[in-house]
N, C-alpha and C. Protein backbone atom coordinates (compact mmCIF):
# COMPACT_ATOMS: atom_id res chain seq x y z
N MET A 1 -5.01 4.69 -8.35
CA MET A 1 -4.56 3.96 -6.89
C MET A 1 -5.50 3.42 -6.14
N LEU A 2 -4.93 3.19 -5.45
CA LEU A 2 -4.43 1.77 -4.11
C LEU A 2 -4.12 2.29 -3.18
N ILE A 3 -5.05 2.32 -1.92
CA ILE A 3 -4.01 2.38 -0.52
C ILE A 3 -4.39 1.11 -0.04
N VAL A 4 -3.07 0.53 0.69
CA VAL A 4 -3.51 -0.24 1.06
C VAL A 4 -2.38 -0.53 2.40
N SER A 5 -3.85 -1.77 3.92
CA SER A 5 -3.27 -0.72 5.15
C SER A 5 -3.10 -2.04 5.86
N TYR A 6 -2.24 -2.43 6.66
CA TYR A 6 -1.99 -3.69 7.09
C TYR A 6 -2.09 -3.79 8.40
N ASP A 7 -1.58 -4.59 8.97
CA ASP A 7 -1.34 -4.77 10.41
C ASP A 7 -1.69 -6.59 10.96
N PHE A 8 0.33 -6.97 10.95
CA PHE A 8 0.11 -8.33 11.84
C PHE A 8 0.93 -8.44 12.64
N THR A 9 1.12 -9.56 13.57
CA THR A 9 0.78 -9.07 15.24
C THR A 9 2.80 -9.95 15.04
N ASN A 10 3.12 -10.82 13.83
CA ASN A 10 4.44 -10.88 14.00
C ASN A 10 5.58 -9.66 13.16
N ASP A 11 6.73 -10.01 13.97
CA ASP A 11 7.65 -8.97 13.02
C ASP A 11 8.16 -8.86 11.88
N LYS A 12 8.58 -10.93 11.59
CA LYS A 12 9.20 -10.97 10.34
C LYS A 12 8.02 -10.83 9.42
N THR A 13 6.55 -11.29 9.57
CA THR A 13 5.07 -11.88 8.37
C THR A 13 5.61 -9.38 8.33
N ARG A 14 5.47 -8.95 9.42
CA ARG A 14 5.17 -7.26 9.12
C ARG A 14 6.11 -7.12 7.97
N ALA A 15 7.61 -6.85 7.87
CA ALA A 15 9.00 -6.72 7.44
C ALA A 15 8.96 -7.57 6.39
N LYS A 16 8.49 -8.52 6.10
CA LYS A 16 7.77 -9.17 4.61
C LYS A 16 6.88 -8.52 4.00
N PHE A 17 5.87 -8.41 4.37
CA PHE A 17 4.63 -7.28 3.51
C PHE A 17 5.26 -6.21 3.58
N SER A 18 6.03 -5.67 4.22
CA SER A 18 6.43 -4.25 3.67
C SER A 18 7.50 -4.40 2.75
N LYS A 19 8.19 -5.30 2.88
CA LYS A 19 9.26 -5.35 1.62
C LYS A 19 8.36 -5.27 0.59
N PHE A 20 7.39 -6.38 0.20
CA PHE A 20 6.82 -6.98 -0.74
C PHE A 20 6.03 -5.84 -1.25
N LEU A 21 5.19 -4.80 -0.65
CA LEU A 21 4.67 -3.14 -1.18
C LEU A 21 5.73 -2.38 -1.71
N LYS A 22 6.45 -2.68 -1.27
CA LYS A 22 7.26 -1.57 -1.66
C LYS A 22 8.06 -1.99 -3.36
N LYS A 23 7.77 -2.53 -4.20
CA LYS A 23 7.98 -3.20 -4.80
C LYS A 23 6.94 -2.49 -6.12
N TYR A 24 6.00 -2.12 -5.61
CA TYR A 24 5.07 -1.82 -6.11
C TYR A 24 4.44 0.07 -5.70
N GLY A 25 4.55 0.63 -5.15
CA GLY A 25 4.45 1.39 -4.19
C GLY A 25 5.60 2.46 -3.31
N TRP A 26 4.78 3.41 -2.33
CA TRP A 26 5.63 4.10 -1.39
C TRP A 26 4.74 3.94 -0.68
N ARG A 27 5.79 4.30 0.95
CA ARG A 27 5.29 4.06 2.23
C ARG A 27 4.78 5.56 2.52
N MET A 28 3.34 5.63 3.19
CA MET A 28 2.54 6.92 2.97
C MET A 28 2.65 7.38 4.91
N GLN A 29 2.26 5.78 5.59
CA GLN A 29 2.16 5.51 6.90
C GLN A 29 3.16 4.56 7.12
N TYR A 30 3.63 4.23 7.86
CA TYR A 30 4.04 3.09 8.43
C TYR A 30 2.94 2.14 7.88
N SER A 31 2.37 1.76 7.92
CA SER A 31 1.50 0.58 7.47
C SER A 31 0.62 0.49 6.50
N VAL A 32 0.85 2.07 5.72
CA VAL A 32 -0.32 2.24 4.55
C VAL A 32 0.87 2.27 3.48
N PHE A 33 0.54 1.44 2.54
CA PHE A 33 1.20 2.26 2.05
C PHE A 33 0.46 2.61 -0.22
N VAL A 34 1.27 3.25 -0.83
CA VAL A 34 0.52 4.44 -1.86
C VAL A 34 0.71 3.44 -3.10
N ILE A 35 0.11 3.33 -3.37
CA ILE A 35 0.28 1.88 -4.44
C ILE A 35 -0.17 2.55 -6.35
N ARG A 36 0.43 2.14 -7.02
CA ARG A 36 0.06 2.90 -8.59
C ARG A 36 -1.05 2.05 -8.82
N ASN A 37 -1.70 1.93 -9.48
CA ASN A 37 -3.08 0.75 -9.53
C ASN A 37 -3.08 0.26 -10.91
N SER A 38 -2.89 -0.91 -11.08
CA SER A 38 -3.95 -0.90 -12.85
C SER A 38 -4.00 -2.73 -12.64
N PRO A 39 -4.95 -3.02 -13.63
CA PRO A 39 -5.32 -4.41 -13.09
C PRO A 39 -4.52 -5.37 -13.03
N ARG A 40 -3.47 -5.26 -13.35
CA ARG A 40 -1.67 -6.56 -13.38
C ARG A 40 -1.60 -6.43 -11.62
N VAL A 41 -1.16 -5.08 -11.34
CA VAL A 41 -0.20 -4.94 -10.11
C VAL A 41 -1.68 -5.09 -8.76
N LEU A 42 -3.17 -4.60 -8.93
CA LEU A 42 -3.77 -5.36 -8.34
C LEU A 42 -3.68 -7.00 -8.35
N ARG A 43 -3.28 -7.76 -9.07
CA ARG A 43 -3.85 -9.14 -9.65
C ARG A 43 -2.72 -9.74 -8.89
N ASN A 44 -1.68 -8.88 -9.24
CA ASN A 44 -0.24 -9.22 -8.41
C ASN A 44 -0.22 -9.69 -7.02
N ILE A 45 -0.49 -8.16 -6.06
CA ILE A 45 -1.10 -8.12 -4.70
C ILE A 45 -2.27 -8.93 -4.19
N ILE A 46 -3.11 -9.23 -5.01
CA ILE A 46 -3.92 -10.42 -4.08
C ILE A 46 -3.64 -11.81 -4.66
N SER A 47 -2.81 -12.04 -5.84
CA SER A 47 -2.27 -13.40 -5.65
C SER A 47 -0.98 -13.81 -4.68
N GLU A 48 -0.16 -12.46 -4.63
CA GLU A 48 0.72 -12.73 -3.03
C GLU A 48 -0.38 -12.87 -1.80
N ILE A 49 -0.44 -12.26 -1.34
CA ILE A 49 -1.75 -12.01 -0.54
C ILE A 49 -2.77 -13.60 -0.13
N ASP A 50 -2.90 -14.55 -1.10
CA ASP A 50 -3.31 -15.34 -1.48
C ASP A 50 -2.70 -16.86 -0.82
N SER A 51 -1.56 -16.27 -2.09
CA SER A 51 -0.93 -17.68 -1.87
C SER A 51 0.42 -17.16 -0.79
N ARG A 52 0.54 -16.55 -0.36
CA ARG A 52 1.47 -16.40 0.73
C ARG A 52 1.36 -15.82 2.57
N TYR A 53 0.76 -15.02 2.47
CA TYR A 53 0.25 -14.12 3.84
C TYR A 53 -1.44 -14.48 4.29
N LYS A 54 -1.96 -15.29 3.51
CA LYS A 54 -3.28 -14.94 4.00
C LYS A 54 -3.25 -16.63 4.67
N LYS A 55 -2.51 -17.49 4.55
CA LYS A 55 -1.72 -18.48 5.92
C LYS A 55 -1.70 -18.17 6.92
N LEU A 56 -0.97 -16.67 7.08
CA LEU A 56 0.11 -16.21 8.11
C LEU A 56 -0.55 -15.70 9.19
N PHE A 57 -2.27 -15.45 8.76
CA PHE A 57 -2.91 -14.80 9.78
C PHE A 57 -3.00 -14.92 10.72
N GLU A 58 -2.89 -14.17 12.38
CA GLU A 58 -3.26 -14.16 13.17
C GLU A 58 -4.86 -13.91 13.65
N ASN A 59 -5.41 -14.32 14.48
CA ASN A 59 -6.05 -13.37 15.64
C ASN A 59 -6.75 -12.36 14.66
N THR A 60 -5.49 -11.15 15.13
CA THR A 60 -5.91 -9.86 14.61
C THR A 60 -5.20 -9.20 13.72
N ASP A 61 -4.76 -10.18 12.66
CA ASP A 61 -4.22 -9.16 11.27
C ASP A 61 -4.85 -9.07 10.56
N SER A 62 -4.62 -8.18 9.70
CA SER A 62 -5.62 -7.69 8.52
C SER A 62 -4.97 -7.11 7.78
N ILE A 63 -4.98 -6.91 6.35
CA ILE A 63 -4.65 -6.37 5.23
C ILE A 63 -5.96 -5.84 4.75
N VAL A 64 -6.22 -4.75 4.49
CA VAL A 64 -7.41 -3.70 3.40
C VAL A 64 -7.19 -2.58 2.83
N ILE A 65 -7.15 -3.38 1.32
CA ILE A 65 -6.94 -2.68 -0.17
C ILE A 65 -8.37 -1.42 -0.73
N PHE A 66 -7.94 -0.23 -0.49
CA PHE A 66 -8.82 0.66 -0.79
C PHE A 66 -8.29 1.29 -2.23
N PRO A 67 -9.45 0.69 -3.14
CA PRO A 67 -9.06 1.66 -4.33
C PRO A 67 -9.32 2.91 -4.83
N VAL A 68 -8.51 3.98 -4.87
CA VAL A 68 -9.31 5.19 -5.19
C VAL A 68 -9.54 5.47 -6.83
N CYS A 69 -10.85 6.26 -6.94
CA CYS A 69 -10.66 5.77 -8.60
C CYS A 69 -10.51 7.61 -8.54
N ASN A 70 -10.12 7.20 -10.73
CA ASN A 70 -8.90 9.15 -10.87
C ASN A 70 -9.79 9.95 -10.73
N GLY A 71 -11.36 9.76 -10.41
CA GLY A 71 -11.74 11.69 -9.77
C GLY A 71 -11.58 11.67 -8.64
N CYS A 72 -11.37 10.79 -7.70
CA CYS A 72 -11.41 10.93 -6.53
C CYS A 72 -9.59 11.43 -5.26
N LYS A 73 -8.71 11.22 -6.40
CA LYS A 73 -8.09 11.62 -6.52
C LYS A 73 -7.22 12.68 -6.70
N GLY A 74 -7.90 13.75 -7.27
CA GLY A 74 -7.88 15.21 -7.20
C GLY A 74 -8.65 15.74 -5.82
N LYS A 75 -9.04 15.01 -4.82
CA LYS A 75 -10.17 15.61 -3.85
C LYS A 75 -9.47 14.53 -2.97
N VAL A 76 -8.22 14.79 -2.67
CA VAL A 76 -7.84 14.16 -1.55
C VAL A 76 -6.66 14.96 -0.92
N ILE A 77 -7.29 15.70 0.35
CA ILE A 77 -6.59 16.82 1.04
C ILE A 77 -5.71 16.55 2.05
N ARG A 78 -4.76 17.24 1.42
CA ARG A 78 -2.92 16.65 2.42
C ARG A 78 -2.69 17.50 3.51
N TYR A 79 -1.78 17.83 4.11
CA TYR A 79 -0.97 18.54 5.22
C TYR A 79 0.38 17.80 5.75
N GLY A 80 1.06 18.80 5.81
CA GLY A 80 2.46 18.34 6.08
C GLY A 80 2.78 17.69 4.95
N CYS A 81 3.60 16.83 5.01
CA CYS A 81 5.12 16.31 4.25
C CYS A 81 3.65 15.92 2.96
N ALA A 82 3.08 15.51 3.64
CA ALA A 82 1.97 14.36 2.56
C ALA A 82 1.61 15.57 1.19
N ARG A 83 1.64 16.97 1.12
CA ARG A 83 1.64 17.96 0.32
C ARG A 83 2.25 17.26 -0.82
N HIS A 84 3.61 17.09 -0.17
CA HIS A 84 4.72 16.77 -1.94
C HIS A 84 4.56 15.84 -1.88
N GLU A 85 3.73 14.73 -2.39
CA GLU A 85 3.68 13.34 -3.00
C GLU A 85 3.18 13.53 -3.80
N ILE A 86 2.93 14.55 -4.56
CA ILE A 86 2.00 14.44 -5.68
C ILE A 86 2.99 15.62 -6.42
N GLU A 87 3.56 16.70 -6.35
CA GLU A 87 4.53 16.82 -7.11
C GLU A 87 5.80 16.52 -7.97
N ASP A 88 5.77 17.01 -8.62
CA ASP A 88 6.78 16.45 -9.59
C ASP A 88 8.43 17.40 -8.90
N VAL A 89 8.91 16.09 -8.66
CA VAL A 89 10.54 16.76 -8.52
C VAL A 89 11.65 16.60 -10.01
N VAL A 90 12.50 17.76 -9.87
CA VAL A 90 13.35 18.11 -10.88
C VAL A 90 14.53 18.15 -10.29
N TYR A 91 15.54 16.99 -10.95
CA TYR A 91 17.02 17.45 -10.19
C TYR A 91 18.22 18.17 -11.70
N PHE A 92 18.75 18.79 -11.15
CA PHE A 92 19.75 19.40 -11.74
C PHE A 92 21.00 18.40 -11.66
């Protein structure tokens, strides 16, 4: 699992990056996404950041990628609606 946090000053850039991340995961908070990790997904995200978004950075803009190992995933403490993110949902 990856946690990707970002902050862009430019609204248009922020919206494009958010739309890009939606292809790989789901929104945890407004500027924080949870991404199912694989080496290929991480390479794709880094490649896209390097080729498209890095050149658009302004002084206060940032992207931070936090890898979460499998052992640590079970230690994450969740409250509120975040508790339900790991539950399987079955629709009939």
